[in-house]
């Protein structure tokens, strides 16, 4: 299994289409025919029992792909219906040709009038990668009708209504069972709201020549479980705990001791040779009772923290830290330490109050924290997660892990990475504390900041998926931490 997969923005996808068509003798319709044929073959593989098919076509080339598919399905003996809005007569030469060939082969086209005919399967060929706005009122009604069919839905290239670049859904979108992308995977379909609509994401390269990709840069890359092996290498036989790094977890104000302990425990399970906790005196006994391998220290003044900082290889700053006087003082000292930092939770909120560049830091915000760091709203962050992650990286000079569905890892001068793992059961307090400890452990073990953030976010998400095999609802961070040892030794 490949470890990474390139993801492309819409301008790059359009260039790929043009270069692929040129390599096929300049016949763009030949490329459309391949897409329709690939969709038909895919449909027969995945829904072999389907006997009736409804194809909803739009006015552009995505609709053209649908007309090709409809013609092939009709020729194979399926009951086929094609529906479109009155305003959606084919507008491109390619779509017009595909429609004409379908009708010429005996196909029938219906104008949508608030109801769709019943079918075993619906194909969404309404809008492709070009739609970046909310659908108009008529399209909204048509999409609602598709979603009301209660049968499997195959979306061609993009679920209609989803922005292929950002993953945002400005209004309404088709809820697909599967989305079959052509030639190149679209970046926006792998993060944020798009994951609610795309269903299973699949890719058919249409057998275009490799030269079609010449000069076309990916805008992001998706990393999978196979990537862990390049970062989590076997340890040499003659090693010692010092070589595996020393993580200092700073946090645990009154009422937040559990967050600091989750962080330290995750750091140890992610391979740190040593883990210390700088916390309130009241938490020390409980922390030692829960995890005696962690070194818990009562820190009530600046003088208590300085010797701990001197021994640390990386600092996990923020779990349970609070935003009061105690947390603020530790935050200031840690930022001035010159040590590699992983900054989370209240440490991010304190940073938002007094922004500064942190050149050797990894920030791990959720969308709300990201919004505060950017003086924006959570909706704006979620509306374009790639742009938000990159803006954070540029503003703070740091590596950024923008958490959420389709976590994004960004950094100045790097192609962002999208984590291909994780599940809704991980939406529970304490998961971020575990992530902070994991990333700090990998940073302390010598990984560069961008790789430590990427490997840590991937390991965290994979551990969450492993823990969710017993059910997503009720999943706890400690369940995830229990999976780290096995997954951290690929």
Protein backbone atom coordinates (compact mmCIF):
# COMPACT_ATOMS: atom_id res chain seq x y z
CA UNK A 1 0.00 0.00 0.00
CA UNK A 2 1.31 3.42 -0.93
CA UNK A 3 2.15 5.73 1.96
CA UNK A 4 1.21 9.02 0.31
CA UNK A 5 -1.18 10.15 -2.41
CA UNK A 6 -1.08 13.53 -4.17
CA UNK A 7 -4.13 15.79 -3.97
CA UNK A 8 -4.86 18.49 -6.52
CA UNK A 9 -6.62 21.85 -6.64
CA UNK A 10 -9.10 22.67 -9.41
CA UNK A 11 -6.69 24.65 -11.66
CA UNK A 12 -4.27 21.73 -11.59
CA UNK A 13 -7.09 19.26 -12.31
CA UNK A 14 -8.15 21.30 -15.33
CA UNK A 15 -4.58 21.38 -16.58
CA UNK A 16 -4.34 17.61 -16.16
CA UNK A 17 -7.50 17.16 -18.22
CA UNK A 18 -6.10 19.37 -20.98
CA UNK A 19 -2.72 17.63 -21.03
CA UNK A 20 -4.33 14.19 -20.97
CA UNK A 21 -6.60 15.12 -23.88
CA UNK A 22 -3.61 16.44 -25.82
CA UNK A 23 -1.77 13.15 -25.28
CA UNK A 24 -4.84 11.33 -26.62
CA UNK A 25 -4.50 13.10 -29.93
CA UNK A 26 -6.25 16.28 -28.92
CA UNK A 27 -9.65 14.61 -28.69
CA UNK A 28 -11.23 15.80 -25.44
CA UNK A 29 -14.29 13.67 -26.12
CA UNK A 30 -12.12 10.56 -26.00
CA UNK A 31 -11.30 11.51 -22.41
CA UNK A 32 -15.00 11.99 -21.61
CA UNK A 33 -15.75 8.61 -23.15
CA UNK A 34 -13.12 7.04 -20.91
CA UNK A 35 -14.67 8.66 -17.85
CA UNK A 36 -18.14 7.41 -18.75
CA UNK A 37 -16.81 3.93 -19.45
CA UNK A 38 -14.88 3.89 -16.16
CA UNK A 39 -17.99 4.97 -14.26
CA UNK A 40 -20.06 2.27 -15.96
CA UNK A 41 -17.47 -0.43 -15.15
CA UNK A 42 -17.30 0.81 -11.57
CA UNK A 43 -21.07 0.72 -11.25
CA UNK A 44 -21.28 -2.87 -12.48
CA UNK A 45 -18.56 -3.97 -10.05
CA UNK A 46 -20.13 -2.37 -7.01
CA UNK A 47 -23.85 -2.73 -7.75
CA UNK A 48 -24.13 -5.79 -10.01
CA UNK A 49 -27.75 -6.41 -8.99
CA UNK A 50 -28.98 -2.96 -10.07
CA UNK A 51 -31.57 -3.21 -12.85
CA UNK A 52 -32.69 0.40 -13.04
CA UNK A 53 -30.57 3.52 -13.10
CA UNK A 54 -31.32 7.22 -12.75
CA UNK A 55 -28.65 9.63 -14.01
CA UNK A 56 -29.02 13.28 -12.98
CA UNK A 57 -27.07 15.42 -15.42
CA UNK A 58 -25.90 19.00 -15.21
CA UNK A 59 -25.13 21.39 -18.06
CA UNK A 60 -21.35 20.94 -18.14
CA UNK A 61 -18.86 18.21 -18.79
CA UNK A 62 -19.74 16.42 -15.56
CA UNK A 63 -23.19 16.01 -17.08
CA UNK A 64 -21.50 14.80 -20.25
CA UNK A 65 -19.85 11.99 -18.29
CA UNK A 66 -23.32 11.09 -17.05
CA UNK A 67 -24.79 10.93 -20.56
CA UNK A 68 -22.00 8.58 -21.66
CA UNK A 69 -22.66 6.35 -18.65
CA UNK A 70 -26.41 6.38 -19.36
CA UNK A 71 -25.88 5.30 -22.97
CA UNK A 72 -23.63 2.42 -21.93
CA UNK A 73 -26.04 1.28 -19.22
CA UNK A 74 -28.96 1.38 -21.63
CA UNK A 75 -27.04 -0.63 -24.20
CA UNK A 76 -26.34 -3.25 -21.52
CA UNK A 77 -30.07 -3.67 -20.90
CA UNK A 78 -30.66 -1.61 -17.75
CA UNK A 79 -33.73 0.56 -17.38
CA UNK A 80 -32.22 4.01 -17.62
CA UNK A 81 -33.66 7.43 -16.96
CA UNK A 82 -31.88 10.75 -17.32
CA UNK A 83 -33.18 13.86 -15.59
CA UNK A 84 -32.03 17.46 -15.62
CA UNK A 85 -33.35 20.90 -14.81
CA UNK A 86 -35.03 22.85 -17.58
CA UNK A 87 -32.14 25.34 -17.46
CA UNK A 88 -29.54 22.59 -17.63
CA UNK A 89 -29.51 21.79 -21.32
CA UNK A 90 -25.93 20.85 -22.28
CA UNK A 91 -23.83 24.00 -22.59
CA UNK A 92 -20.49 22.61 -23.71
CA UNK A 93 -19.72 20.97 -27.02
CA UNK A 94 -18.62 17.79 -25.26
CA UNK A 95 -21.74 17.53 -23.10
CA UNK A 96 -23.95 18.23 -26.14
CA UNK A 97 -22.27 15.47 -28.12
CA UNK A 98 -22.66 13.00 -25.26
CA UNK A 99 -26.34 13.90 -24.86
CA UNK A 100 -26.98 13.61 -28.59
CA UNK A 101 -25.39 10.15 -28.72
CA UNK A 102 -27.47 9.02 -25.73
CA UNK A 103 -30.72 10.25 -27.27
CA UNK A 104 -29.71 8.87 -30.67
CA UNK A 105 -29.32 5.45 -29.09
CA UNK A 106 -32.94 5.60 -27.91
CA UNK A 107 -32.39 7.30 -24.58
CA UNK A 108 -34.99 9.51 -22.94
CA UNK A 109 -34.40 12.73 -21.00
CA UNK A 110 -36.88 14.10 -18.44
CA UNK A 111 -37.15 17.63 -17.11
CA UNK A 112 -37.12 17.63 -13.30
CA UNK A 113 -40.44 18.85 -11.87
CA UNK A 114 -39.98 18.30 -8.12
CA UNK A 115 -40.08 14.51 -8.37
CA UNK A 116 -37.57 11.91 -9.56
CA UNK A 117 -38.49 8.47 -10.87
CA UNK A 118 -37.65 5.47 -8.70
CA UNK A 119 -34.47 3.53 -9.48
CA UNK A 120 -32.13 1.03 -7.87
CA UNK A 121 -29.24 3.47 -8.09
CA UNK A 122 -28.77 7.20 -8.68
CA UNK A 123 -25.78 8.68 -10.49
CA UNK A 124 -24.98 12.27 -9.56
CA UNK A 125 -23.51 13.98 -12.64
CA UNK A 126 -24.93 17.39 -11.80
CA UNK A 127 -21.96 19.60 -10.98
CA UNK A 128 -18.26 18.88 -11.19
CA UNK A 129 -15.18 20.60 -9.85
CA UNK A 130 -16.21 24.04 -11.09
CA UNK A 131 -18.92 24.74 -8.52
CA UNK A 132 -17.62 26.86 -5.63
CA UNK A 133 -20.86 28.62 -4.63
CA UNK A 134 -24.17 27.59 -3.16
CA UNK A 135 -26.47 25.90 -5.72
CA UNK A 136 -29.36 28.04 -6.95
CA UNK A 137 -32.91 27.39 -5.76
CA UNK A 138 -33.81 24.93 -8.53
CA UNK A 139 -30.57 22.99 -8.08
CA UNK A 140 -31.21 22.97 -4.34
CA UNK A 141 -34.57 21.28 -4.92
CA UNK A 142 -33.01 18.75 -7.27
CA UNK A 143 -30.28 17.86 -4.79
CA UNK A 144 -32.88 17.47 -2.05
CA UNK A 145 -34.79 15.11 -4.33
CA UNK A 146 -31.66 13.02 -4.94
CA UNK A 147 -31.02 12.76 -1.21
CA UNK A 148 -34.62 11.69 -0.64
CA UNK A 149 -34.34 8.66 -2.95
CA UNK A 150 -33.10 6.30 -0.21
CA UNK A 151 -31.02 4.26 -2.67
CA UNK A 152 -27.24 4.20 -3.23
CA UNK A 153 -25.82 7.29 -4.94
CA UNK A 154 -22.67 7.34 -7.07
CA UNK A 155 -21.24 10.84 -7.52
CA UNK A 156 -18.99 11.42 -10.51
CA UNK A 157 -15.81 13.29 -9.58
CA UNK A 158 -17.41 15.44 -6.83
CA UNK A 159 -20.64 15.24 -4.84
CA UNK A 160 -22.66 18.09 -6.31
CA UNK A 161 -22.67 21.03 -3.92
CA UNK A 162 -19.25 20.30 -2.39
CA UNK A 163 -16.37 22.68 -3.14
CA UNK A 164 -13.63 20.44 -4.54
CA UNK A 165 -10.86 22.75 -3.32
CA UNK A 166 -11.95 23.55 0.23
CA UNK A 167 -14.33 20.73 1.14
CA UNK A 168 -16.89 23.32 2.19
CA UNK A 169 -20.61 22.90 1.55
CA UNK A 170 -22.03 26.41 1.18
CA UNK A 171 -25.66 25.26 1.21
CA UNK A 172 -26.77 21.74 0.26
CA UNK A 173 -24.93 18.83 -1.35
CA UNK A 174 -25.57 15.33 -2.61
CA UNK A 175 -24.96 12.69 0.04
CA UNK A 176 -23.04 10.09 -1.93
CA UNK A 177 -22.51 6.45 -1.13
CA UNK A 178 -19.36 6.56 -3.23
CA UNK A 179 -17.55 9.29 -5.12
CA UNK A 180 -15.52 8.23 -8.15
CA UNK A 181 -12.84 10.79 -8.98
CA UNK A 182 -11.19 10.86 -12.39
CA UNK A 183 -7.45 11.18 -13.14
CA UNK A 184 -6.59 13.10 -9.94
CA UNK A 185 -7.86 13.18 -6.37
CA UNK A 186 -9.35 16.49 -5.27
CA UNK A 187 -7.87 18.04 -2.13
CA UNK A 188 -11.12 19.38 -0.70
CA UNK A 189 -12.84 16.00 -0.64
CA UNK A 190 -10.48 14.74 2.05
CA UNK A 191 -11.22 17.20 4.85
CA UNK A 192 -13.98 19.04 6.66
CA UNK A 193 -17.61 18.97 5.59
CA UNK A 194 -16.83 17.04 2.39
CA UNK A 195 -16.30 13.88 4.44
CA UNK A 196 -19.98 14.02 5.44
CA UNK A 197 -21.05 13.88 1.78
CA UNK A 198 -18.45 12.03 -0.30
CA UNK A 199 -18.95 8.54 1.12
CA UNK A 200 -16.21 6.16 0.01
CA UNK A 201 -13.66 8.03 -2.08
CA UNK A 202 -12.29 6.19 -5.10
CA UNK A 203 -10.06 7.18 -7.99
CA UNK A 204 -9.81 5.99 -11.60
CA UNK A 205 -6.82 7.37 -13.50
CA UNK A 206 -8.50 6.58 -16.87
CA UNK A 207 -5.19 5.09 -18.00
CA UNK A 208 -3.95 8.50 -19.07
CA UNK A 209 -0.23 8.64 -19.86
CA UNK A 210 2.03 9.56 -16.97
CA UNK A 211 3.24 12.52 -19.01
CA UNK A 212 -0.12 14.20 -18.35
CA UNK A 213 1.21 15.04 -14.87
CA UNK A 214 4.33 16.81 -16.15
CA UNK A 215 4.60 20.24 -14.62
CA UNK A 216 1.43 19.83 -12.54
CA UNK A 217 2.06 20.24 -8.81
CA UNK A 218 -0.09 18.73 -6.10
CA UNK A 219 -1.57 21.17 -3.61
CA UNK A 220 -1.49 18.64 -0.75
CA UNK A 221 -0.77 15.01 -0.04
CA UNK A 222 -2.78 12.40 1.81
CA UNK A 223 -0.79 10.19 4.17
CA UNK A 224 -1.88 6.72 5.21
CA UNK A 225 -0.88 4.15 7.83
CA UNK A 226 1.94 2.92 5.58
CA UNK A 227 3.75 6.23 6.11
CA UNK A 228 4.49 5.46 9.76
CA UNK A 229 7.27 3.02 8.90
CA UNK A 230 9.42 5.79 7.39
CA UNK A 231 9.34 7.75 10.65
CA UNK A 232 9.09 5.14 13.41
CA UNK A 233 12.25 3.18 12.73
CA UNK A 234 13.38 0.19 14.82
CA UNK A 235 15.68 1.16 17.67
CA UNK A 236 19.27 0.07 17.63
CA UNK A 237 20.18 -2.72 20.02
CA UNK A 238 22.67 -0.70 22.09
CA UNK A 239 20.43 2.20 23.03
CA UNK A 240 19.43 3.94 26.26
CA UNK A 241 16.53 6.04 27.49
CA UNK A 242 18.31 9.31 26.83
CA UNK A 243 18.37 8.57 23.12
CA UNK A 244 14.59 8.28 23.11
CA UNK A 245 14.05 11.81 24.30
CA UNK A 246 12.79 13.59 27.39
CA UNK A 247 9.36 15.25 27.21
CA UNK A 248 8.32 17.86 29.74
CA UNK A 249 4.54 18.28 29.99
CA UNK A 250 3.62 21.65 31.45
CA UNK A 251 0.02 21.98 32.61
CA UNK A 252 -2.54 20.80 35.08
CA UNK A 253 -3.79 23.85 36.91
CA UNK A 254 -6.49 23.25 39.53
CA UNK A 255 -8.98 20.83 37.99
CA UNK A 256 -6.75 20.06 35.01
CA UNK A 257 -4.41 17.42 36.37
CA UNK A 258 -5.95 14.69 34.23
CA UNK A 259 -5.07 16.54 31.05
CA UNK A 260 -1.42 16.75 32.02
CA UNK A 261 -1.32 13.06 32.89
CA UNK A 262 -2.95 12.01 29.60
CA UNK A 263 -0.29 14.03 27.84
CA UNK A 264 2.57 12.40 29.76
CA UNK A 265 1.16 8.90 29.41
CA UNK A 266 0.71 9.35 25.67
CA UNK A 267 4.28 10.62 25.38
CA UNK A 268 5.59 7.50 27.10
CA UNK A 269 3.44 5.17 25.00
CA UNK A 270 4.66 6.97 21.87
CA UNK A 271 8.22 6.06 22.79
CA UNK A 272 9.64 8.90 24.88
CA UNK A 273 12.48 7.62 27.06
CA UNK A 274 11.54 10.02 29.85
CA UNK A 275 8.47 12.06 30.64
CA UNK A 276 8.22 14.73 33.31
CA UNK A 277 5.15 16.67 34.39
CA UNK A 278 5.28 20.22 35.76
CA UNK A 279 2.00 20.71 37.55
CA UNK A 280 0.25 21.87 40.71
CA UNK A 281 1.35 20.29 43.97
CA UNK A 282 -2.14 18.89 44.57
CA UNK A 283 -1.85 16.65 41.48
CA UNK A 284 1.51 15.02 42.13
CA UNK A 285 0.36 12.10 44.29
CA UNK A 286 -2.51 11.19 41.94
CA UNK A 287 -0.29 11.38 38.88
CA UNK A 288 2.34 9.12 40.42
CA UNK A 289 -0.32 6.64 41.48
CA UNK A 290 -1.72 6.45 37.97
CA UNK A 291 1.56 6.37 36.04
CA UNK A 292 4.65 5.88 38.20
CA UNK A 293 6.90 5.95 35.12
CA UNK A 294 6.18 9.67 34.75
CA UNK A 295 8.16 12.07 36.93
CA UNK A 296 5.67 14.47 38.50
CA UNK A 297 6.96 17.75 39.92
CA UNK A 298 5.17 20.39 41.94
CA UNK A 299 5.73 23.74 40.26
CA UNK A 300 4.50 26.81 42.11
CA UNK A 301 7.09 29.38 41.01
CA UNK A 302 9.45 30.27 38.18
CA UNK A 303 12.34 28.81 40.13
CA UNK A 304 10.63 25.40 40.21
CA UNK A 305 10.31 25.25 36.43
CA UNK A 306 13.76 26.32 35.23
CA UNK A 307 15.68 23.13 36.18
CA UNK A 308 12.99 21.00 34.52
CA UNK A 309 13.28 23.00 31.33
CA UNK A 310 17.04 22.54 31.31
CA UNK A 311 16.70 18.74 31.19
CA UNK A 312 13.88 18.56 28.63
CA UNK A 313 14.32 17.70 24.97
CA UNK A 314 10.86 18.87 23.97
CA UNK A 315 8.05 20.64 25.79
CA UNK A 316 4.35 19.78 25.64
CA UNK A 317 2.73 23.03 26.70
CA UNK A 318 -0.93 23.54 27.42
CA UNK A 319 -2.89 20.49 28.63
CA UNK A 320 -4.89 21.70 31.63
CA UNK A 321 -2.70 24.81 31.85
CA UNK A 322 -5.50 27.30 32.37
CA UNK A 323 -5.34 30.97 31.49
CA UNK A 324 -4.83 32.35 34.98
CA UNK A 325 -1.77 33.84 36.59
CA UNK A 326 -0.12 30.44 37.22
CA UNK A 327 -0.61 29.19 33.67
CA UNK A 328 0.34 32.53 32.15
CA UNK A 329 3.66 32.60 34.03
CA UNK A 330 4.60 29.06 32.97
CA UNK A 331 3.55 29.87 29.41
CA UNK A 332 5.89 32.88 29.22
CA UNK A 333 8.83 30.96 30.61
CA UNK A 334 8.31 28.00 28.26
CA UNK A 335 8.12 30.24 25.19
CA UNK A 336 11.41 31.82 26.19
CA UNK A 337 13.18 28.51 26.81
CA UNK A 338 14.45 27.95 23.27
CA UNK A 339 13.29 24.32 23.42
CA UNK A 340 11.18 22.60 20.76
CA UNK A 341 7.54 23.20 21.69
CA UNK A 342 4.21 21.52 21.09
CA UNK A 343 1.56 24.12 21.94
CA UNK A 344 -2.03 23.14 22.63
CA UNK A 345 -5.20 24.02 24.53
CA UNK A 346 -4.90 27.03 26.86
CA UNK A 347 -1.36 27.67 25.68
CA UNK A 348 -2.89 28.44 22.28
CA UNK A 349 -5.46 30.75 23.83
CA UNK A 350 -2.71 32.59 25.68
CA UNK A 351 -0.73 32.83 22.44
CA UNK A 352 -3.78 34.32 20.71
CA UNK A 353 -3.86 37.09 23.35
CA UNK A 354 -0.23 38.01 22.67
CA UNK A 355 0.73 36.67 19.22
CA UNK A 356 4.37 36.02 18.43
CA UNK A 357 6.29 33.89 15.96
CA UNK A 358 7.51 30.55 17.30
CA UNK A 359 10.05 29.20 14.86
CA UNK A 360 10.59 25.80 16.51
CA UNK A 361 7.06 25.04 17.57
CA UNK A 362 4.17 22.82 16.57
CA UNK A 363 0.72 24.31 17.16
CA UNK A 364 -2.18 21.86 17.47
CA UNK A 365 -5.42 23.89 17.39
CA UNK A 366 -8.98 22.72 16.90
CA UNK A 367 -11.07 25.05 14.68
CA UNK A 368 -12.17 27.24 17.59
CA UNK A 369 -8.59 27.78 18.76
CA UNK A 370 -7.48 28.33 15.17
CA UNK A 371 -10.13 31.02 14.81
CA UNK A 372 -8.86 32.86 17.88
CA UNK A 373 -5.28 32.66 16.60
CA UNK A 374 -6.36 34.12 13.26
CA UNK A 375 -8.85 36.70 14.57
CA UNK A 376 -11.49 34.87 12.56
CA UNK A 377 -14.53 32.69 13.19
CA UNK A 378 -14.74 28.92 13.39
CA UNK A 379 -17.01 29.00 10.32
CA UNK A 380 -14.32 30.84 8.36
CA UNK A 381 -11.71 28.29 9.41
CA UNK A 382 -13.92 25.38 8.45
CA UNK A 383 -14.88 27.10 5.21
CA UNK A 384 -11.33 26.64 3.92
CA UNK A 385 -9.27 24.45 6.22
CA UNK A 386 -6.26 24.40 3.91
CA UNK A 387 -6.11 28.18 3.75
CA UNK A 388 -6.59 28.48 7.53
CA UNK A 389 -3.83 25.98 8.31
CA UNK A 390 -1.42 27.71 5.94
CA UNK A 391 -2.30 31.15 7.28
CA UNK A 392 -1.55 29.96 10.81
CA UNK A 393 1.76 28.48 9.71
CA UNK A 394 2.79 31.74 8.02
CA UNK A 395 1.58 34.02 10.81
CA UNK A 396 3.30 32.14 13.62
CA UNK A 397 6.25 30.68 11.69
CA UNK A 398 5.33 27.26 13.05
CA UNK A 399 4.19 23.84 12.02
CA UNK A 400 0.40 23.61 12.46
CA UNK A 401 -1.82 20.60 13.06
CA UNK A 402 -5.37 21.78 12.33
CA UNK A 403 -7.44 19.12 14.05
CA UNK A 404 -10.80 17.84 12.92
CA UNK A 405 -12.17 15.51 10.27
CA UNK A 406 -9.35 15.29 7.77
CA UNK A 407 -6.68 16.77 10.03
CA UNK A 408 -4.28 19.02 8.09
CA UNK A 409 -0.58 19.44 8.86
CA UNK A 410 0.89 22.63 7.39
CA UNK A 411 4.18 24.49 7.64
CA UNK A 412 5.94 27.31 5.83
CA UNK A 413 7.55 26.07 2.59
CA UNK A 414 5.94 22.61 2.82
CA UNK A 415 3.17 20.92 0.88
CA UNK A 416 0.43 20.32 3.46
CA UNK A 417 -0.46 16.79 4.52
CA UNK A 418 -3.93 15.40 5.18
CA UNK A 419 -4.33 12.58 7.71
CA UNK A 420 -6.24 9.66 6.23
CA UNK A 421 -7.51 8.25 9.54
CA UNK A 422 -9.65 9.17 12.53
CA UNK A 423 -13.31 8.85 13.46
CA UNK A 424 -16.15 10.77 15.16
CA UNK A 425 -15.66 8.89 18.43
CA UNK A 426 -12.53 10.96 18.95
CA UNK A 427 -14.64 14.09 19.53
CA UNK A 428 -14.27 13.96 23.31
CA UNK A 429 -12.31 15.96 25.85
CA UNK A 430 -8.73 14.84 26.38
CA UNK A 431 -8.01 13.62 22.84
CA UNK A 432 -6.00 16.75 22.13
CA UNK A 433 -3.96 16.24 25.30
CA UNK A 434 -2.99 12.77 24.07
CA UNK A 435 -2.05 14.18 20.65
CA UNK A 436 0.16 16.79 22.29
CA UNK A 437 2.05 14.11 24.18
CA UNK A 438 2.47 11.92 21.11
CA UNK A 439 3.79 14.72 18.93
CA UNK A 440 6.15 15.94 21.67
CA UNK A 441 7.50 12.40 22.10
CA UNK A 442 8.31 12.09 18.41
CA UNK A 443 9.89 15.53 18.38
CA UNK A 444 12.01 14.58 21.39
CA UNK A 445 13.08 11.41 19.59
CA UNK A 446 14.66 13.52 16.89
CA UNK A 447 12.09 13.87 14.13
CA UNK A 448 12.00 17.28 12.44
CA UNK A 449 9.00 19.34 13.46
CA UNK A 450 6.96 18.81 10.26
CA UNK A 451 7.53 15.06 10.31
CA UNK A 452 6.91 14.79 14.06
CA UNK A 453 3.60 16.59 13.62
CA UNK A 454 2.64 14.43 10.65
CA UNK A 455 3.64 11.14 12.23
CA UNK A 456 2.08 12.09 15.55
CA UNK A 457 -1.24 13.14 14.05
CA UNK A 458 -1.34 9.96 11.95
CA UNK A 459 -0.43 7.69 14.87
CA UNK A 460 -3.03 9.40 17.05
CA UNK A 461 -5.76 8.98 14.44
CA UNK A 462 -4.87 5.34 13.75
CA UNK A 463 -4.94 4.59 17.47
CA UNK A 464 -8.36 6.22 17.63
CA UNK A 465 -9.58 4.00 14.81
CA UNK A 466 -8.20 0.91 16.52
CA UNK A 467 -9.90 1.85 19.78
CA UNK A 468 -13.18 2.53 17.94
CA UNK A 469 -13.50 -1.10 16.88
CA UNK A 470 -15.39 -1.58 20.13
CA UNK A 471 -17.66 1.34 19.22
CA UNK A 472 -17.22 5.05 18.61
CA UNK A 473 -19.68 6.28 21.22
CA UNK A 474 -18.00 6.17 24.62
CA UNK A 475 -14.46 6.11 23.22
CA UNK A 476 -12.02 7.69 25.70
CA UNK A 477 -8.52 9.10 25.25
CA UNK A 478 -7.15 6.39 27.55
CA UNK A 479 -8.58 3.80 25.12
CA UNK A 480 -6.56 5.45 22.36
CA UNK A 481 -3.40 5.61 24.46
CA UNK A 482 -3.64 1.86 25.04
CA UNK A 483 -3.26 1.29 21.28
CA UNK A 484 -0.13 3.39 20.81
CA UNK A 485 2.46 0.78 21.77
CA UNK A 486 1.29 -1.70 19.13
CA UNK A 487 0.81 0.86 16.35
CA UNK A 488 4.01 2.71 17.20
CA UNK A 489 6.10 -0.32 16.22
CA UNK A 490 5.22 -0.75 12.51
